[in-house]
Amino acid sequence: MRFEAEVEVLRHQVNQLTKENTRLRSIVGVIKRAVQEAPESVIPLHKEESTRDRLIRSLAISKGNRNKAAKIMGIARSSLYLAIKKYDLPRVRSGNNVSLS
């Protein structure tokens, strides 16, 4: 009877480890998908860099594509539009050259 009890304890532990392994695989999958879906280059805001400069740089990297620029900055597209209006930046069509000056 003791042997059967030990086998049952081991069986329970294996089941717990299997469940934990499944959870870890799920978490790894979520992380991998997040990395794949992340913008190609997220632009950090440096202390000496103004929001306006970061906005201009994001638009330059995205070649004027406002949707991509918003993703690069990590903000909503509507927030990007408001920032463009706030800093009175010219509207640049996607694909046009964007000057950083």
N, C-alpha and C. Protein backbone atom coordinates (compact mmCIF):
# COMPACT_ATOMS: atom_id res chain seq x y z
N MET A 1 0.82 -1.19 0.00
CA MET A 1 0.00 0.00 0.00
C MET A 1 0.87 1.26 0.00
N ARG A 2 1.97 1.25 0.68
CA ARG A 2 2.85 2.42 0.75
C ARG A 2 3.40 2.76 -0.64
N PHE A 3 3.78 1.74 -1.41
CA PHE A 3 4.31 1.94 -2.75
C PHE A 3 3.28 2.63 -3.63
N GLU A 4 2.04 2.20 -3.55
CA GLU A 4 0.96 2.79 -4.35
C GLU A 4 0.74 4.26 -3.97
N ALA A 5 0.87 4.58 -2.69
CA ALA A 5 0.71 5.96 -2.24
C ALA A 5 1.84 6.83 -2.79
N GLU A 6 3.07 6.31 -2.77
CA GLU A 6 4.21 7.06 -3.31
C GLU A 6 4.06 7.27 -4.82
N VAL A 7 3.57 6.25 -5.51
CA VAL A 7 3.35 6.37 -6.95
C VAL A 7 2.30 7.45 -7.21
N GLU A 8 1.27 7.48 -6.41
CA GLU A 8 0.21 8.49 -6.58
C GLU A 8 0.75 9.90 -6.33
N VAL A 9 1.61 10.06 -5.33
CA VAL A 9 2.23 11.37 -5.05
C VAL A 9 3.09 11.79 -6.24
N LEU A 10 3.89 10.87 -6.76
CA LEU A 10 4.72 11.16 -7.92
C LEU A 10 3.87 11.51 -9.14
N ARG A 11 2.80 10.79 -9.34
CA ARG A 11 1.90 11.06 -10.46
C ARG A 11 1.33 12.47 -10.34
N HIS A 12 0.93 12.84 -9.12
CA HIS A 12 0.40 14.18 -8.88
C HIS A 12 1.46 15.25 -9.17
N GLN A 13 2.69 15.01 -8.73
CA GLN A 13 3.77 15.97 -8.96
C GLN A 13 4.07 16.11 -10.46
N VAL A 14 4.05 15.03 -11.19
CA VAL A 14 4.28 15.07 -12.64
C VAL A 14 3.17 15.87 -13.31
N ASN A 15 1.93 15.66 -12.88
CA ASN A 15 0.81 16.43 -13.43
C ASN A 15 0.98 17.92 -13.16
N GLN A 16 1.39 18.28 -11.96
CA GLN A 16 1.60 19.68 -11.61
C GLN A 16 2.71 20.29 -12.47
N LEU A 17 3.80 19.54 -12.64
CA LEU A 17 4.91 20.03 -13.47
C LEU A 17 4.48 20.18 -14.92
N THR A 18 3.67 19.27 -15.40
CA THR A 18 3.18 19.35 -16.77
C THR A 18 2.31 20.59 -16.95
N LYS A 19 1.44 20.87 -15.97
CA LYS A 19 0.60 22.06 -16.04
C LYS A 19 1.45 23.33 -16.01
N GLU A 20 2.46 23.34 -15.15
CA GLU A 20 3.35 24.49 -15.05
C GLU A 20 4.13 24.68 -16.34
N ASN A 21 4.59 23.59 -16.93
CA ASN A 21 5.31 23.65 -18.19
C ASN A 21 4.41 24.22 -19.29
N THR A 22 3.15 23.82 -19.29
CA THR A 22 2.19 24.32 -20.28
C THR A 22 1.98 25.82 -20.09
N ARG A 23 1.87 26.26 -18.84
CA ARG A 23 1.72 27.70 -18.56
C ARG A 23 2.94 28.48 -19.03
N LEU A 24 4.13 27.95 -18.75
CA LEU A 24 5.35 28.62 -19.17
C LEU A 24 5.44 28.70 -20.69
N ARG A 25 5.07 27.64 -21.37
CA ARG A 25 5.09 27.66 -22.84
C ARG A 25 4.11 28.70 -23.36
N SER A 26 2.97 28.81 -22.71
CA SER A 26 1.99 29.80 -23.12
C SER A 26 2.54 31.22 -22.94
N ILE A 27 3.19 31.45 -21.82
CA ILE A 27 3.78 32.77 -21.54
C ILE A 27 4.87 33.08 -22.56
N VAL A 28 5.71 32.11 -22.85
CA VAL A 28 6.77 32.30 -23.85
C VAL A 28 6.15 32.62 -25.21
N GLY A 29 5.08 31.96 -25.55
CA GLY A 29 4.39 32.23 -26.81
C GLY A 29 3.87 33.65 -26.88
N VAL A 30 3.29 34.11 -25.78
CA VAL A 30 2.78 35.48 -25.73
C VAL A 30 3.92 36.48 -25.89
N ILE A 31 5.03 36.23 -25.22
CA ILE A 31 6.18 37.13 -25.31
C ILE A 31 6.74 37.14 -26.73
N LYS A 32 6.85 35.97 -27.35
CA LYS A 32 7.36 35.91 -28.73
C LYS A 32 6.47 36.68 -29.68
N ARG A 33 5.15 36.53 -29.53
CA ARG A 33 4.22 37.27 -30.40
C ARG A 33 4.34 38.77 -30.18
N ALA A 34 4.48 39.18 -28.93
CA ALA A 34 4.61 40.61 -28.62
C ALA A 34 5.87 41.18 -29.25
N VAL A 35 6.95 40.44 -29.19
CA VAL A 35 8.21 40.90 -29.78
C VAL A 35 8.07 41.00 -31.29
N GLN A 36 7.41 40.02 -31.91
CA GLN A 36 7.23 40.04 -33.36
C GLN A 36 6.34 41.19 -33.81
N GLU A 37 5.35 41.54 -33.00
CA GLU A 37 4.41 42.59 -33.36
C GLU A 37 4.89 43.98 -32.95
N ALA A 38 5.98 44.04 -32.20
CA ALA A 38 6.49 45.34 -31.74
C ALA A 38 7.03 46.14 -32.92
N PRO A 39 6.97 47.46 -32.81
CA PRO A 39 7.54 48.28 -33.87
C PRO A 39 9.01 47.94 -34.09
N GLU A 40 9.47 48.16 -35.30
CA GLU A 40 10.86 47.84 -35.62
C GLU A 40 11.83 48.59 -34.73
N SER A 41 11.55 49.83 -34.48
CA SER A 41 12.44 50.60 -33.61
C SER A 41 11.60 51.54 -32.76
N VAL A 42 11.62 51.29 -31.48
CA VAL A 42 10.93 52.17 -30.56
C VAL A 42 11.90 53.27 -30.17
N ILE A 43 11.46 54.49 -30.30
CA ILE A 43 12.35 55.62 -30.06
C ILE A 43 12.23 56.07 -28.61
N PRO A 44 13.30 55.93 -27.83
CA PRO A 44 13.23 56.38 -26.45
C PRO A 44 13.27 57.91 -26.39
N LEU A 45 12.65 58.47 -25.38
CA LEU A 45 12.69 59.91 -25.18
C LEU A 45 13.83 60.22 -24.22
N HIS A 46 14.86 60.87 -24.74
CA HIS A 46 16.00 61.24 -23.92
C HIS A 46 15.68 62.53 -23.19
N LYS A 47 16.32 62.75 -22.07
CA LYS A 47 16.04 63.95 -21.27
C LYS A 47 16.27 65.22 -22.09
N GLU A 48 17.31 65.22 -22.91
CA GLU A 48 17.63 66.42 -23.66
C GLU A 48 16.82 66.55 -24.95
N GLU A 49 16.05 65.50 -25.28
CA GLU A 49 15.27 65.51 -26.51
C GLU A 49 13.83 65.93 -26.22
N SER A 50 13.36 66.88 -26.96
CA SER A 50 11.98 67.35 -26.75
C SER A 50 11.00 66.39 -27.41
N THR A 51 9.77 66.46 -26.99
CA THR A 51 8.72 65.65 -27.59
C THR A 51 8.60 65.99 -29.07
N ARG A 52 8.75 67.25 -29.40
CA ARG A 52 8.67 67.70 -30.79
C ARG A 52 9.76 67.02 -31.62
N ASP A 53 10.99 66.99 -31.10
CA ASP A 53 12.10 66.34 -31.82
C ASP A 53 11.84 64.85 -32.00
N ARG A 54 11.30 64.24 -30.97
CA ARG A 54 11.00 62.80 -31.05
C ARG A 54 9.91 62.55 -32.09
N LEU A 55 8.93 63.43 -32.13
CA LEU A 55 7.85 63.34 -33.10
C LEU A 55 8.39 63.47 -34.52
N ILE A 56 9.25 64.45 -34.73
CA ILE A 56 9.84 64.66 -36.05
C ILE A 56 10.68 63.45 -36.45
N ARG A 57 11.44 62.92 -35.52
CA ARG A 57 12.28 61.75 -35.82
C ARG A 57 11.42 60.53 -36.15
N SER A 58 10.34 60.35 -35.43
CA SER A 58 9.43 59.23 -35.69
C SER A 58 8.81 59.34 -37.08
N LEU A 59 8.42 60.55 -37.44
CA LEU A 59 7.86 60.77 -38.77
C LEU A 59 8.90 60.55 -39.87
N ALA A 60 10.13 60.91 -39.58
CA ALA A 60 11.20 60.71 -40.56
C ALA A 60 11.47 59.22 -40.76
N ILE A 61 11.54 58.48 -39.66
CA ILE A 61 11.80 57.04 -39.74
C ILE A 61 10.67 56.34 -40.49
N SER A 62 9.44 56.79 -40.25
CA SER A 62 8.29 56.15 -40.88
C SER A 62 7.99 56.73 -42.27
N LYS A 63 8.86 57.64 -42.72
CA LYS A 63 8.70 58.30 -44.04
C LYS A 63 7.34 58.96 -44.16
N GLY A 64 6.90 59.59 -43.07
CA GLY A 64 5.66 60.34 -43.08
C GLY A 64 4.41 59.53 -42.78
N ASN A 65 4.57 58.23 -42.59
CA ASN A 65 3.41 57.38 -42.30
C ASN A 65 3.04 57.59 -40.83
N ARG A 66 1.93 58.29 -40.62
CA ARG A 66 1.54 58.65 -39.25
C ARG A 66 1.17 57.45 -38.39
N ASN A 67 0.60 56.44 -38.99
CA ASN A 67 0.25 55.23 -38.24
C ASN A 67 1.52 54.56 -37.71
N LYS A 68 2.53 54.42 -38.59
CA LYS A 68 3.79 53.82 -38.17
C LYS A 68 4.52 54.70 -37.16
N ALA A 69 4.46 56.01 -37.37
CA ALA A 69 5.10 56.94 -36.43
C ALA A 69 4.50 56.81 -35.04
N ALA A 70 3.19 56.66 -34.97
CA ALA A 70 2.52 56.49 -33.67
C ALA A 70 2.98 55.19 -33.01
N LYS A 71 3.10 54.12 -33.80
CA LYS A 71 3.58 52.85 -33.24
C LYS A 71 5.00 52.98 -32.75
N ILE A 72 5.84 53.66 -33.51
CA ILE A 72 7.23 53.85 -33.11
C ILE A 72 7.30 54.60 -31.78
N MET A 73 6.46 55.60 -31.64
CA MET A 73 6.46 56.39 -30.41
C MET A 73 5.75 55.69 -29.26
N GLY A 74 4.97 54.67 -29.59
CA GLY A 74 4.24 53.95 -28.55
C GLY A 74 3.02 54.71 -28.07
N ILE A 75 2.40 55.48 -28.98
CA ILE A 75 1.22 56.25 -28.62
C ILE A 75 0.10 55.94 -29.61
N ALA A 76 -1.10 56.35 -29.25
CA ALA A 76 -2.25 56.16 -30.14
C ALA A 76 -2.13 57.11 -31.33
N ARG A 77 -2.68 56.70 -32.46
CA ARG A 77 -2.63 57.53 -33.66
C ARG A 77 -3.30 58.88 -33.42
N SER A 78 -4.40 58.87 -32.66
CA SER A 78 -5.09 60.14 -32.37
C SER A 78 -4.19 61.07 -31.55
N SER A 79 -3.39 60.51 -30.65
CA SER A 79 -2.46 61.32 -29.86
C SER A 79 -1.38 61.92 -30.75
N LEU A 80 -0.96 61.15 -31.74
CA LEU A 80 0.04 61.65 -32.69
C LEU A 80 -0.53 62.83 -33.47
N TYR A 81 -1.78 62.69 -33.94
CA TYR A 81 -2.41 63.79 -34.68
C TYR A 81 -2.49 65.05 -33.82
N LEU A 82 -2.86 64.87 -32.55
CA LEU A 82 -2.93 66.03 -31.65
C LEU A 82 -1.56 66.67 -31.46
N ALA A 83 -0.52 65.84 -31.34
CA ALA A 83 0.84 66.36 -31.17
C ALA A 83 1.31 67.10 -32.42
N ILE A 84 0.99 66.56 -33.59
CA ILE A 84 1.35 67.24 -34.85
C ILE A 84 0.69 68.61 -34.90
N LYS A 85 -0.57 68.67 -34.50
CA LYS A 85 -1.29 69.94 -34.49
C LYS A 85 -0.70 70.88 -33.43
N LYS A 86 -0.41 70.34 -32.25
CA LYS A 86 0.13 71.15 -31.15
C LYS A 86 1.45 71.80 -31.54
N TYR A 87 2.33 71.04 -32.19
CA TYR A 87 3.64 71.56 -32.56
C TYR A 87 3.65 72.18 -33.95
N ASP A 88 2.47 72.31 -34.55
CA ASP A 88 2.29 72.97 -35.83
C ASP A 88 3.26 72.42 -36.89
N LEU A 89 3.30 71.10 -36.98
CA LEU A 89 4.16 70.46 -37.98
C LEU A 89 3.41 70.34 -39.29
N PRO A 90 4.11 70.47 -40.40
CA PRO A 90 3.43 70.36 -41.69
C PRO A 90 2.95 68.95 -41.93
N ARG A 91 1.87 68.83 -42.65
CA ARG A 91 1.34 67.51 -42.98
C ARG A 91 2.15 66.95 -44.14
N VAL A 92 2.74 65.80 -43.92
CA VAL A 92 3.58 65.16 -44.93
C VAL A 92 2.89 63.89 -45.36
N ARG A 93 2.75 63.70 -46.62
CA ARG A 93 2.14 62.47 -47.15
C ARG A 93 3.10 61.31 -46.99
N SER A 94 2.56 60.14 -46.73
CA SER A 94 3.36 58.93 -46.58
C SER A 94 4.19 58.69 -47.84
N GLY A 95 5.47 58.39 -47.63
CA GLY A 95 6.36 58.10 -48.76
C GLY A 95 7.18 59.29 -49.18
N ASN A 96 6.78 60.51 -48.80
CA ASN A 96 7.57 61.69 -49.13
C ASN A 96 8.77 61.80 -48.20
N ASN A 97 9.80 62.46 -48.67
CA ASN A 97 10.96 62.67 -47.82
C ASN A 97 10.60 63.63 -46.70
N VAL A 98 11.09 63.35 -45.52
CA VAL A 98 10.81 64.18 -44.36
C VAL A 98 12.14 64.71 -43.87
N SER A 99 12.20 66.01 -43.69
CA SER A 99 13.43 66.65 -43.23
C SER A 99 13.40 66.76 -41.72
N LEU A 100 14.55 66.53 -41.09
CA LEU A 100 14.63 66.65 -39.64
C LEU A 100 14.97 68.07 -39.19
N SER A 101 15.17 68.98 -40.12
CA SER A 101 15.54 70.35 -39.73
C SER A 101 14.34 71.19 -39.40
